[in-house]
Amino acid sequence: MTTIMDAEELSACLRQYGLQARRAARPLPGGHVGSTVVVPTSQGPLAVKRFGGRFDAARTRLAAEAHQFAAISGLAPPVRLTLSGELTTEINDATYMITEYIDPACPPELTDFAVALAALHVRLEGFRPDGRCADFLELSDPSALGLERVLRRTQDKACREVVEWRMRILADYGLGSQTVATTHHSWIHGDARPDNLLTTTCTAGRHLFIDFDQVSRFPRPYEVVRGYVAFVGPELPDYLVDSTFRSYLGAYHAVMPISAVDRALMVDLYITVQAAETRTFTTPEGEIRGMHAFARARHQQLTWIIEHRDLLHRVAEEVWP
């Protein structure tokens, strides 16, 4: 399966919806776990998404259901149904989904992103998928178990150094498995970041989430912090960390209140999950699946949040109305 959909593959997919391309498709950026193209049709431009090969039928169905559930409330672009009334279609062992294409007018502001994420979390409180499948986001017990497995299997010096660095992070800041297990699990987007939020106008705009591939039942405070880190990035000047995190949490909290218990653990929960993750294990210089930019970003984000951990803790544990 090629990374970019060719014309024959795309035409076969569109036929399942009674559609035909009017001009050549345009690939969209991103796509670590799938690929998406925009194709002009007689019914307007549509986004055709092909799910990654490691997503089985249950996982793709879950992602499509979550996307459509959000779309019904105007929080995601609407999903097109196939001629047989299905959310997805399968062609040659690949699964596809088609949504309305929304051309984003401008990047979201930090507080707009927080409000949109909170609104999505409120909506997902009522999500009840038809089937069952393993959650994309998981944390082993103990959390360092996956790292220990990687360490046993590799002799690469750079890789071992990063594994050991991650294990020290877990030892110093990681939450115990019992804490994570007993923290309330809710449906979350799983990959909520600015690139996955479309802002349709710059004033009084609509904010629509896309790419629900990693939707999971997981402690919601993790995604709250993950969204902030993805938005501001390690490039944020130190003097802005306090004010931006406060305004971000305040905007989120006004829509979806965050309990004192969740605020106390949210920063270390993020550190724990990011340090323990091995599905796409990264090193500072590369990654076993070749996603070098992703590798560098993860390493930089972990380094950055540890440097600012105490400050973020203080802001999160303030008394909120």
C-alpha atoms as a PDB file:
ATOM      1  CA  MET A   1       0.000   0.000   0.000  1.00  0.00           C
ATOM      2  CA  THR A   2       1.500   3.306  -1.047  1.00  0.00           C
ATOM      3  CA  THR A   3       1.588   6.278   1.282  1.00  0.00           C
ATOM      4  CA  ILE A   4      -0.409   8.512  -1.086  1.00  0.00           C
ATOM      5  CA  MET A   5      -3.664   7.291  -2.625  1.00  0.00           C
ATOM      6  CA  ASP A   6      -3.392   6.874  -6.397  1.00  0.00           C
ATOM      7  CA  ALA A   7      -6.215   7.712  -8.821  1.00  0.00           C
ATOM      8  CA  GLU A   8      -7.387   4.096  -9.215  1.00  0.00           C
ATOM      9  CA  GLU A   9      -7.575   3.529  -5.480  1.00  0.00           C
ATOM     10  CA  LEU A  10      -9.406   6.803  -4.925  1.00  0.00           C
ATOM     11  CA  SER A  11     -11.922   6.114  -7.708  1.00  0.00           C
ATOM     12  CA  ALA A  12     -12.706   2.698  -6.236  1.00  0.00           C
ATOM     13  CA  CYS A  13     -13.358   4.317  -2.873  1.00  0.00           C
ATOM     14  CA  LEU A  14     -15.552   7.099  -4.263  1.00  0.00           C
ATOM     15  CA  ARG A  15     -17.719   4.572  -6.139  1.00  0.00           C
ATOM     16  CA  GLN A  16     -18.772   3.107  -2.800  1.00  0.00           C
ATOM     17  CA  TYR A  17     -20.373   6.492  -2.090  1.00  0.00           C
ATOM     18  CA  GLY A  18     -21.821   7.092  -5.549  1.00  0.00           C
ATOM     19  CA  LEU A  19     -19.236   9.810  -6.156  1.00  0.00           C
ATOM     20  CA  GLN A  20     -16.729  10.657  -8.852  1.00  0.00           C
ATOM     21  CA  ALA A  21     -13.677  12.911  -8.760  1.00  0.00           C
ATOM     22  CA  ARG A  22     -13.908  16.031 -10.923  1.00  0.00           C
ATOM     23  CA  ARG A  23     -10.218  16.916 -10.664  1.00  0.00           C
ATOM     24  CA  ALA A  24      -7.045  15.471  -9.191  1.00  0.00           C
ATOM     25  CA  ALA A  25      -6.892  14.976  -5.421  1.00  0.00           C
ATOM     26  CA  ARG A  26      -4.637  17.004  -3.149  1.00  0.00           C
ATOM     27  CA  PRO A  27      -2.879  15.259  -0.236  1.00  0.00           C
ATOM     28  CA  LEU A  28      -3.133  16.843   3.198  1.00  0.00           C
ATOM     29  CA  PRO A  29      -0.088  17.076   5.499  1.00  0.00           C
ATOM     30  CA  GLY A  30       0.388  14.835   8.522  1.00  0.00           C
ATOM     31  CA  GLY A  31      -0.765  11.252   8.540  1.00  0.00           C
ATOM     32  CA  HIS A  32       1.396   9.316  11.001  1.00  0.00           C
ATOM     33  CA  VAL A  33      -1.314   6.648  11.298  1.00  0.00           C
ATOM     34  CA  GLY A  34      -3.147   7.172   8.012  1.00  0.00           C
ATOM     35  CA  SER A  35      -3.388   9.470   5.000  1.00  0.00           C
ATOM     36  CA  THR A  36      -5.988  11.969   3.788  1.00  0.00           C
ATOM     37  CA  VAL A  37      -6.594  13.655   0.451  1.00  0.00           C
ATOM     38  CA  VAL A  38      -9.006  16.397  -0.618  1.00  0.00           C
ATOM     39  CA  VAL A  39     -10.892  15.583  -3.802  1.00  0.00           C
ATOM     40  CA  PRO A  40     -13.270  17.881  -5.732  1.00  0.00           C
ATOM     41  CA  THR A  41     -16.592  16.150  -6.562  1.00  0.00           C
ATOM     42  CA  SER A  42     -19.955  17.227  -7.953  1.00  0.00           C
ATOM     43  CA  GLN A  43     -21.074  17.511  -4.318  1.00  0.00           C
ATOM     44  CA  GLY A  44     -18.224  19.778  -3.341  1.00  0.00           C
ATOM     45  CA  PRO A  45     -14.742  19.085  -1.964  1.00  0.00           C
ATOM     46  CA  LEU A  46     -14.533  16.016   0.272  1.00  0.00           C
ATOM     47  CA  ALA A  47     -11.779  14.636   2.510  1.00  0.00           C
ATOM     48  CA  VAL A  48     -11.022  10.973   1.890  1.00  0.00           C
ATOM     49  CA  LYS A  49      -9.170   9.314   4.750  1.00  0.00           C
ATOM     50  CA  ARG A  50      -7.375   5.972   4.558  1.00  0.00           C
ATOM     51  CA  PHE A  51      -6.692   4.410   7.925  1.00  0.00           C
ATOM     52  CA  GLY A  52      -3.246   2.987   8.646  1.00  0.00           C
ATOM     53  CA  GLY A  53      -2.634  -0.718   8.162  1.00  0.00           C
ATOM     54  CA  ARG A  54      -2.253  -1.352  11.896  1.00  0.00           C
ATOM     55  CA  PHE A  55      -5.879  -0.325  12.477  1.00  0.00           C
ATOM     56  CA  ASP A  56      -8.222  -3.316  12.343  1.00  0.00           C
ATOM     57  CA  ALA A  57     -11.916  -3.136  11.471  1.00  0.00           C
ATOM     58  CA  ALA A  58     -13.000  -2.574  15.081  1.00  0.00           C
ATOM     59  CA  ARG A  59     -10.571   0.309  15.569  1.00  0.00           C
ATOM     60  CA  THR A  60     -11.524   2.068  12.328  1.00  0.00           C
ATOM     61  CA  ARG A  61     -15.210   1.648  13.153  1.00  0.00           C
ATOM     62  CA  LEU A  62     -14.627   3.175  16.588  1.00  0.00           C
ATOM     63  CA  ALA A  63     -12.766   6.153  15.099  1.00  0.00           C
ATOM     64  CA  ALA A  64     -15.562   6.753  12.583  1.00  0.00           C
ATOM     65  CA  GLU A  65     -18.264   6.456  15.251  1.00  0.00           C
ATOM     66  CA  ALA A  66     -16.493   8.931  17.534  1.00  0.00           C
ATOM     67  CA  HIS A  67     -16.005  11.366  14.658  1.00  0.00           C
ATOM     68  CA  GLN A  68     -19.662  11.155  13.649  1.00  0.00           C
ATOM     69  CA  PHE A  69     -20.808  11.472  17.276  1.00  0.00           C
ATOM     70  CA  ALA A  70     -18.847  14.731  17.529  1.00  0.00           C
ATOM     71  CA  ALA A  71     -20.072  15.890  14.112  1.00  0.00           C
ATOM     72  CA  ILE A  72     -23.732  15.581  15.159  1.00  0.00           C
ATOM     73  CA  SER A  73     -23.065  18.333  17.705  1.00  0.00           C
ATOM     74  CA  GLY A  74     -21.140  20.466  15.215  1.00  0.00           C
ATOM     75  CA  LEU A  75     -17.746  19.615  16.711  1.00  0.00           C
ATOM     76  CA  ALA A  76     -16.346  17.770  13.663  1.00  0.00           C
ATOM     77  CA  PRO A  77     -16.958  17.781   9.885  1.00  0.00           C
ATOM     78  CA  PRO A  78     -19.907  15.521   8.949  1.00  0.00           C
ATOM     79  CA  VAL A  79     -19.159  11.953   7.866  1.00  0.00           C
ATOM     80  CA  ARG A  80     -20.502  10.769   4.508  1.00  0.00           C
ATOM     81  CA  LEU A  81     -22.291   7.411   4.525  1.00  0.00           C
ATOM     82  CA  THR A  82     -21.640   4.814   1.834  1.00  0.00           C
ATOM     83  CA  LEU A  83     -24.417   3.764  -0.543  1.00  0.00           C
ATOM     84  CA  SER A  84     -25.159   0.916   1.873  1.00  0.00           C
ATOM     85  CA  GLY A  85     -25.395   3.306   4.831  1.00  0.00           C
ATOM     86  CA  GLU A  86     -22.038   2.522   6.459  1.00  0.00           C
ATOM     87  CA  LEU A  87     -19.577   4.964   8.051  1.00  0.00           C
ATOM     88  CA  THR A  88     -16.538   3.309   6.442  1.00  0.00           C
ATOM     89  CA  THR A  89     -15.736   1.140   3.446  1.00  0.00           C
ATOM     90  CA  GLU A  90     -13.042  -1.481   2.786  1.00  0.00           C
ATOM     91  CA  ILE A  91     -11.106  -1.891  -0.457  1.00  0.00           C
ATOM     92  CA  ASN A  92      -8.144  -4.221  -0.891  1.00  0.00           C
ATOM     93  CA  ASP A  93      -7.593  -4.650   2.873  1.00  0.00           C
ATOM     94  CA  ALA A  94      -7.632  -0.887   3.527  1.00  0.00           C
ATOM     95  CA  THR A  95     -10.417   1.030   5.281  1.00  0.00           C
ATOM     96  CA  TYR A  96     -11.642   4.463   4.199  1.00  0.00           C
ATOM     97  CA  MET A  97     -13.890   7.205   5.540  1.00  0.00           C
ATOM     98  CA  ILE A  98     -15.143  10.331   3.759  1.00  0.00           C
ATOM     99  CA  THR A  99     -16.021  13.607   5.469  1.00  0.00           C
ATOM    100  CA  GLU A 100     -16.991  17.062   4.336  1.00  0.00           C
ATOM    101  CA  TYR A 101     -13.853  19.068   3.638  1.00  0.00           C
ATOM    102  CA  ILE A 102     -13.482  22.207   5.728  1.00  0.00           C
ATOM    103  CA  ASP A 103     -10.807  24.660   4.641  1.00  0.00           C
ATOM    104  CA  PRO A 104      -9.448  26.200   7.864  1.00  0.00           C
ATOM    105  CA  ALA A 105      -9.439  29.983   7.802  1.00  0.00           C
ATOM    106  CA  CYS A 106      -6.809  30.540  10.491  1.00  0.00           C
ATOM    107  CA  PRO A 107      -5.007  28.748  13.333  1.00  0.00           C
ATOM    108  CA  PRO A 108      -6.938  28.585  16.629  1.00  0.00           C
ATOM    109  CA  GLU A 109      -5.982  30.747  19.579  1.00  0.00           C
ATOM    110  CA  LEU A 110      -4.842  28.956  22.750  1.00  0.00           C
ATOM    111  CA  THR A 111      -8.007  29.703  24.728  1.00  0.00           C
ATOM    112  CA  ASP A 112     -10.214  28.820  21.727  1.00  0.00           C
ATOM    113  CA  PHE A 113      -8.440  25.476  21.544  1.00  0.00           C
ATOM    114  CA  ALA A 114      -9.050  24.921  25.276  1.00  0.00           C
ATOM    115  CA  VAL A 115     -12.758  25.749  24.947  1.00  0.00           C
ATOM    116  CA  ALA A 116     -13.131  23.475  21.900  1.00  0.00           C
ATOM    117  CA  LEU A 117     -11.377  20.607  23.679  1.00  0.00           C
ATOM    118  CA  ALA A 118     -13.575  21.026  26.743  1.00  0.00           C
ATOM    119  CA  ALA A 119     -16.705  21.083  24.567  1.00  0.00           C
ATOM    120  CA  LEU A 120     -15.560  17.874  22.865  1.00  0.00           C
ATOM    121  CA  HIS A 121     -14.956  16.214  26.232  1.00  0.00           C
ATOM    122  CA  VAL A 122     -18.431  17.238  27.378  1.00  0.00           C
ATOM    123  CA  ARG A 123     -19.891  15.718  24.216  1.00  0.00           C
ATOM    124  CA  LEU A 124     -17.896  12.483  24.530  1.00  0.00           C
ATOM    125  CA  GLU A 125     -19.355  11.916  27.994  1.00  0.00           C
ATOM    126  CA  GLY A 126     -22.371  10.527  26.148  1.00  0.00           C
ATOM    127  CA  PHE A 127     -20.442   8.438  23.604  1.00  0.00           C
ATOM    128  CA  ARG A 128     -21.527   4.787  23.568  1.00  0.00           C
ATOM    129  CA  PRO A 129     -19.877   2.934  20.658  1.00  0.00           C
ATOM    130  CA  ASP A 130     -21.518  -0.128  19.153  1.00  0.00           C
ATOM    131  CA  GLY A 131     -18.523  -2.428  19.372  1.00  0.00           C
ATOM    132  CA  ARG A 132     -15.503  -3.046  21.562  1.00  0.00           C
ATOM    133  CA  CYS A 133     -11.805  -2.835  20.772  1.00  0.00           C
ATOM    134  CA  ALA A 134      -8.534  -2.204  22.553  1.00  0.00           C
ATOM    135  CA  ASP A 135      -7.849   1.414  23.454  1.00  0.00           C
ATOM    136  CA  PHE A 136      -5.123   3.111  21.448  1.00  0.00           C
ATOM    137  CA  LEU A 137      -3.787   4.779  24.610  1.00  0.00           C
ATOM    138  CA  GLU A 138      -2.565   2.249  27.127  1.00  0.00           C
ATOM    139  CA  LEU A 139      -0.162   2.278  30.041  1.00  0.00           C
ATOM    140  CA  SER A 140       1.606  -0.927  31.034  1.00  0.00           C
ATOM    141  CA  ASP A 141       1.823  -2.088  34.644  1.00  0.00           C
ATOM    142  CA  PRO A 142       4.404  -1.150  35.766  1.00  0.00           C
ATOM    143  CA  SER A 143       4.753   1.792  33.393  1.00  0.00           C
ATOM    144  CA  ALA A 144       8.426   1.041  32.677  1.00  0.00           C
ATOM    145  CA  LEU A 145       7.666  -2.505  31.520  1.00  0.00           C
ATOM    146  CA  GLY A 146       7.727  -1.638  27.810  1.00  0.00           C
ATOM    147  CA  LEU A 147      10.950   0.320  28.177  1.00  0.00           C
ATOM    148  CA  GLU A 148      12.610  -2.605  29.929  1.00  0.00           C
ATOM    149  CA  ARG A 149      11.580  -4.810  27.012  1.00  0.00           C
ATOM    150  CA  VAL A 150      13.104  -2.388  24.488  1.00  0.00           C
ATOM    151  CA  LEU A 151      16.291  -2.191  26.551  1.00  0.00           C
ATOM    152  CA  ARG A 152      16.682  -5.977  26.506  1.00  0.00           C
ATOM    153  CA  ARG A 153      16.242  -6.124  22.743  1.00  0.00           C
ATOM    154  CA  THR A 154      18.617  -3.405  21.552  1.00  0.00           C
ATOM    155  CA  GLN A 155      22.350  -2.884  21.702  1.00  0.00           C
ATOM    156  CA  ASP A 156      22.243   0.479  19.946  1.00  0.00           C
ATOM    157  CA  LYS A 157      24.009   2.993  22.197  1.00  0.00           C
ATOM    158  CA  ALA A 158      21.795   5.995  21.388  1.00  0.00           C
ATOM    159  CA  CYS A 159      18.641   3.948  21.835  1.00  0.00           C
ATOM    160  CA  ARG A 160      19.774   2.538  25.175  1.00  0.00           C
ATOM    161  CA  GLU A 161      20.668   6.010  26.429  1.00  0.00           C
ATOM    162  CA  VAL A 162      17.173   7.284  25.715  1.00  0.00           C
ATOM    163  CA  VAL A 163      15.516   4.213  27.239  1.00  0.00           C
ATOM    164  CA  GLU A 164      17.520   4.708  30.411  1.00  0.00           C
ATOM    165  CA  TRP A 165      16.701   8.443  30.381  1.00  0.00           C
ATOM    166  CA  ARG A 166      13.001   7.651  30.101  1.00  0.00           C
ATOM    167  CA  MET A 167      13.228   5.122  32.929  1.00  0.00           C
ATOM    168  CA  ARG A 168      14.854   7.727  35.180  1.00  0.00           C
ATOM    169  CA  ILE A 169      11.999  10.111  34.364  1.00  0.00           C
ATOM    170  CA  LEU A 170       9.471   7.473  35.419  1.00  0.00           C
ATOM    171  CA  ALA A 171      11.388   6.769  38.603  1.00  0.00           C
ATOM    172  CA  ASP A 172      11.532  10.470  39.523  1.00  0.00           C
ATOM    173  CA  TYR A 173       8.147  11.742  38.328  1.00  0.00           C
ATOM    174  CA  GLY A 174       6.031   8.817  37.156  1.00  0.00           C
ATOM    175  CA  LEU A 175       2.692   7.986  38.733  1.00  0.00           C
ATOM    176  CA  GLY A 176       2.157   4.543  40.185  1.00  0.00           C
ATOM    177  CA  SER A 177       0.029   2.074  38.244  1.00  0.00           C
ATOM    178  CA  GLN A 178      -2.587   2.052  40.988  1.00  0.00           C
ATOM    179  CA  THR A 179      -3.038   5.820  40.716  1.00  0.00           C
ATOM    180  CA  VAL A 180      -3.546   5.637  36.963  1.00  0.00           C
ATOM    181  CA  ALA A 181      -5.876   2.628  37.230  1.00  0.00           C
ATOM    182  CA  THR A 182      -8.117   4.287  39.802  1.00  0.00           C
ATOM    183  CA  THR A 183      -8.287   7.669  38.043  1.00  0.00           C
ATOM    184  CA  HIS A 184     -11.594   8.064  36.198  1.00  0.00           C
ATOM    185  CA  HIS A 185     -11.372   7.019  32.544  1.00  0.00           C
ATOM    186  CA  SER A 186     -13.434   8.907  29.961  1.00  0.00           C
ATOM    187  CA  TRP A 187     -13.604   8.979  26.183  1.00  0.00           C
ATOM    188  CA  ILE A 188     -11.004  11.369  24.796  1.00  0.00           C
ATOM    189  CA  HIS A 189      -9.910  12.336  21.293  1.00  0.00           C
ATOM    190  CA  GLY A 190      -6.456  10.860  21.849  1.00  0.00           C
ATOM    191  CA  ASP A 191      -4.608  13.218  19.497  1.00  0.00           C
ATOM    192  CA  ALA A 192      -6.041  16.639  20.321  1.00  0.00           C
ATOM    193  CA  ARG A 193      -3.578  19.229  19.006  1.00  0.00           C
ATOM    194  CA  PRO A 194      -3.800  22.425  16.923  1.00  0.00           C
ATOM    195  CA  ASP A 195      -3.279  20.587  13.610  1.00  0.00           C
ATOM    196  CA  ASN A 196      -6.369  18.489  14.334  1.00  0.00           C
ATOM    197  CA  LEU A 197      -8.626  21.460  15.078  1.00  0.00           C
ATOM    198  CA  LEU A 198     -10.019  23.365  12.099  1.00  0.00           C
ATOM    199  CA  THR A 199     -10.956  26.994  12.710  1.00  0.00           C
ATOM    200  CA  THR A 200     -13.336  28.066   9.978  1.00  0.00           C
ATOM    201  CA  THR A 201     -13.301  31.851  10.527  1.00  0.00           C
ATOM    202  CA  CYS A 202     -11.038  34.142  12.506  1.00  0.00           C
ATOM    203  CA  THR A 203     -13.883  35.883  14.353  1.00  0.00           C
ATOM    204  CA  ALA A 204     -16.675  33.978  16.084  1.00  0.00           C
ATOM    205  CA  GLY A 205     -15.506  30.926  14.177  1.00  0.00           C
ATOM    206  CA  ARG A 206     -16.440  27.287  14.295  1.00  0.00           C
ATOM    207  CA  HIS A 207     -13.883  24.866  15.701  1.00  0.00           C
ATOM    208  CA  LEU A 208     -14.024  21.345  14.293  1.00  0.00           C
ATOM    209  CA  PHE A 209     -11.902  18.364  15.338  1.00  0.00           C
ATOM    210  CA  ILE A 210     -10.623  15.804  12.833  1.00  0.00           C
ATOM    211  CA  ASP A 211      -8.566  12.582  13.011  1.00  0.00           C
ATOM    212  CA  PHE A 212     -10.197  10.574  15.781  1.00  0.00           C
ATOM    213  CA  ASP A 213      -7.924   7.577  15.048  1.00  0.00           C
ATOM    214  CA  GLN A 214      -6.550   7.446  18.602  1.00  0.00           C
ATOM    215  CA  VAL A 215      -9.865   7.858  20.444  1.00  0.00           C
ATOM    216  CA  SER A 216      -9.653   5.954  23.730  1.00  0.00           C
ATOM    217  CA  ARG A 217     -10.992   5.612  27.226  1.00  0.00           C
ATOM    218  CA  PHE A 218      -8.278   7.231  29.316  1.00  0.00           C
ATOM    219  CA  PRO A 219      -7.914   9.745  32.183  1.00  0.00           C
ATOM    220  CA  ARG A 220      -9.038  13.050  30.693  1.00  0.00           C
ATOM    221  CA  PRO A 221      -6.433  15.211  32.538  1.00  0.00           C
ATOM    222  CA  TYR A 222      -3.767  13.623  30.336  1.00  0.00           C
ATOM    223  CA  GLU A 223      -5.294  15.050  27.174  1.00  0.00           C
ATOM    224  CA  VAL A 224      -5.781  18.462  28.771  1.00  0.00           C
ATOM    225  CA  VAL A 225      -2.042  18.797  29.411  1.00  0.00           C
ATOM    226  CA  ARG A 226      -1.114  17.095  26.148  1.00  0.00           C
ATOM    227  CA  GLY A 227      -3.158  19.654  24.231  1.00  0.00           C
ATOM    228  CA  TYR A 228      -1.410  22.529  25.976  1.00  0.00           C
ATOM    229  CA  VAL A 229       2.084  21.146  25.345  1.00  0.00           C
ATOM    230  CA  ALA A 230       1.229  20.445  21.688  1.00  0.00           C
ATOM    231  CA  PHE A 231      -0.051  24.005  21.305  1.00  0.00           C
ATOM    232  CA  VAL A 232       2.704  26.043  22.948  1.00  0.00           C
ATOM    233  CA  GLY A 233       5.671  23.767  22.240  1.00  0.00           C
ATOM    234  CA  PRO A 234       9.169  23.914  23.742  1.00  0.00           C
ATOM    235  CA  GLU A 235       9.786  27.207  21.909  1.00  0.00           C
ATOM    236  CA  LEU A 236       7.539  29.107  24.342  1.00  0.00           C
ATOM    237  CA  PRO A 237       9.601  31.688  26.295  1.00  0.00           C
ATOM    238  CA  ASP A 238       9.918  30.817  29.986  1.00  0.00           C
ATOM    239  CA  TYR A 239       8.254  34.019  31.136  1.00  0.00           C
ATOM    240  CA  LEU A 240       5.031  33.061  29.285  1.00  0.00           C
ATOM    241  CA  VAL A 241       4.609  29.570  30.736  1.00  0.00           C
ATOM    242  CA  ASP A 242       2.804  30.711  33.885  1.00  0.00           C
ATOM    243  CA  SER A 243       0.293  33.001  32.154  1.00  0.00           C
ATOM    244  CA  THR A 244      -0.442  30.763  29.166  1.00  0.00           C
ATOM    245  CA  PHE A 245      -1.046  27.630  31.238  1.00  0.00           C
ATOM    246  CA  ARG A 246      -3.289  29.603  33.613  1.00  0.00           C
ATOM    247  CA  SER A 247      -5.386  31.090  30.800  1.00  0.00           C
ATOM    248  CA  TYR A 248      -5.558  27.716  29.025  1.00  0.00           C
ATOM    249  CA  LEU A 249      -6.761  25.854  32.125  1.00  0.00           C
ATOM    250  CA  GLY A 250      -9.145  28.668  32.993  1.00  0.00           C
ATOM    251  CA  ALA A 251     -10.781  28.549  29.567  1.00  0.00           C
ATOM    252  CA  TYR A 252     -11.111  24.760  29.701  1.00  0.00           C
ATOM    253  CA  HIS A 253     -12.317  24.744  33.319  1.00  0.00           C
ATOM    254  CA  ALA A 254     -15.091  27.252  32.538  1.00  0.00           C
ATOM    255  CA  VAL A 255     -16.669  24.690  30.168  1.00  0.00           C
ATOM    256  CA  MET A 256     -15.623  21.381  31.755  1.00  0.00           C
ATOM    257  CA  PRO A 257     -14.620  21.821  35.425  1.00  0.00           C
ATOM    258  CA  ILE A 258     -11.418  20.003  36.425  1.00  0.00           C
ATOM    259  CA  SER A 259     -11.482  18.527  39.918  1.00  0.00           C
ATOM    260  CA  ALA A 260      -8.738  19.325  42.416  1.00  0.00           C
ATOM    261  CA  VAL A 261      -7.684  15.663  42.333  1.00  0.00           C
ATOM    262  CA  ASP A 262      -7.297  15.717  38.543  1.00  0.00           C
ATOM    263  CA  ARG A 263      -5.404  19.013  38.600  1.00  0.00           C
ATOM    264  CA  ALA A 264      -2.975  17.619  41.188  1.00  0.00           C
ATOM    265  CA  LEU A 265      -1.981  14.670  39.005  1.00  0.00           C
ATOM    266  CA  MET A 266      -2.413  16.003  35.460  1.00  0.00           C
ATOM    267  CA  VAL A 267       1.171  17.142  34.817  1.00  0.00           C
ATOM    268  CA  ASP A 268       2.778  13.964  36.142  1.00  0.00           C
ATOM    269  CA  LEU A 269       0.188  11.863  34.312  1.00  0.00           C
ATOM    270  CA  TYR A 270       1.278  13.447  31.040  1.00  0.00           C
ATOM    271  CA  ILE A 271       4.949  12.876  31.884  1.00  0.00           C
ATOM    272  CA  THR A 272       4.233   9.246  32.804  1.00  0.00           C
ATOM    273  CA  VAL A 273       2.400   8.444  29.572  1.00  0.00           C
ATOM    274  CA  GLN A 274       4.890  10.213  27.321  1.00  0.00           C
ATOM    275  CA  ALA A 275       7.931   8.677  29.001  1.00  0.00           C
ATOM    276  CA  ALA A 276       6.477   5.147  29.049  1.00  0.00           C
ATOM    277  CA  GLU A 277       5.180   5.082  25.458  1.00  0.00           C
ATOM    278  CA  THR A 278       6.887   2.503  23.259  1.00  0.00           C
ATOM    279  CA  ARG A 279       4.427   1.924  20.397  1.00  0.00           C
ATOM    280  CA  THR A 280       6.541   4.265  18.270  1.00  0.00           C
ATOM    281  CA  PHE A 281       9.637   4.302  20.406  1.00  0.00           C
ATOM    282  CA  THR A 282      11.832   7.300  19.757  1.00  0.00           C
ATOM    283  CA  THR A 283      15.431   8.371  20.243  1.00  0.00           C
ATOM    284  CA  PRO A 284      16.813  11.915  19.962  1.00  0.00           C
ATOM    285  CA  GLU A 285      18.176  11.180  16.488  1.00  0.00           C
ATOM    286  CA  GLY A 286      15.611   8.864  14.985  1.00  0.00           C
ATOM    287  CA  GLU A 287      12.889   6.320  15.511  1.00  0.00           C
ATOM    288  CA  ILE A 288      12.563   2.645  14.747  1.00  0.00           C
ATOM    289  CA  ARG A 289       9.826   3.372  12.179  1.00  0.00           C
ATOM    290  CA  GLY A 290      11.669   6.288  10.612  1.00  0.00           C
ATOM    291  CA  MET A 291       9.569   9.167  11.961  1.00  0.00           C
ATOM    292  CA  HIS A 292      12.498  11.418  12.762  1.00  0.00           C
ATOM    293  CA  ALA A 293      10.556  14.670  13.250  1.00  0.00           C
ATOM    294  CA  PHE A 294       8.150  12.888  15.573  1.00  0.00           C
ATOM    295  CA  ALA A 295      11.113  11.505  17.521  1.00  0.00           C
ATOM    296  CA  ARG A 296      12.687  14.901  18.004  1.00  0.00           C
ATOM    297  CA  ALA A 297       9.381  16.507  18.994  1.00  0.00           C
ATOM    298  CA  ARG A 298       8.663  13.909  21.685  1.00  0.00           C
ATOM    299  CA  HIS A 299      12.163  14.233  23.119  1.00  0.00           C
ATOM    300  CA  GLN A 300      11.969  18.036  23.184  1.00  0.00           C
ATOM    301  CA  GLN A 301       8.502  18.076  24.750  1.00  0.00           C
ATOM    302  CA  LEU A 302       9.512  15.688  27.532  1.00  0.00           C
ATOM    303  CA  THR A 303      12.625  17.732  28.252  1.00  0.00           C
ATOM    304  CA  TRP A 304      10.620  20.964  28.262  1.00  0.00           C
ATOM    305  CA  ILE A 305       7.816  19.833  30.555  1.00  0.00           C
ATOM    306  CA  ILE A 306      10.222  18.367  33.093  1.00  0.00           C
ATOM    307  CA  GLU A 307      12.083  21.679  33.217  1.00  0.00           C
ATOM    308  CA  HIS A 308       8.788  23.488  33.914  1.00  0.00           C
ATOM    309  CA  ARG A 309       7.100  20.780  35.970  1.00  0.00           C
ATOM    310  CA  ASP A 310       7.096  22.618  39.308  1.00  0.00           C
ATOM    311  CA  LEU A 311       5.672  25.803  37.805  1.00  0.00           C
ATOM    312  CA  LEU A 312       2.949  23.906  35.930  1.00  0.00           C
ATOM    313  CA  HIS A 313       2.071  22.055  39.139  1.00  0.00           C
ATOM    314  CA  ARG A 314       1.660  25.310  41.030  1.00  0.00           C
ATOM    315  CA  VAL A 315      -0.639  26.765  38.389  1.00  0.00           C
ATOM    316  CA  ALA A 316      -2.723  23.589  38.134  1.00  0.00           C
ATOM    317  CA  GLU A 317      -3.224  23.388  41.904  1.00  0.00           C
ATOM    318  CA  GLU A 318      -4.461  26.948  42.310  1.00  0.00           C
ATOM    319  CA  VAL A 319      -8.003  27.407  43.588  1.00  0.00           C
ATOM    320  CA  TRP A 320     -10.315  27.649  40.613  1.00  0.00           C
ATOM    321  CA  PRO A 321     -13.895  28.958  40.753  1.00  0.00           C
END
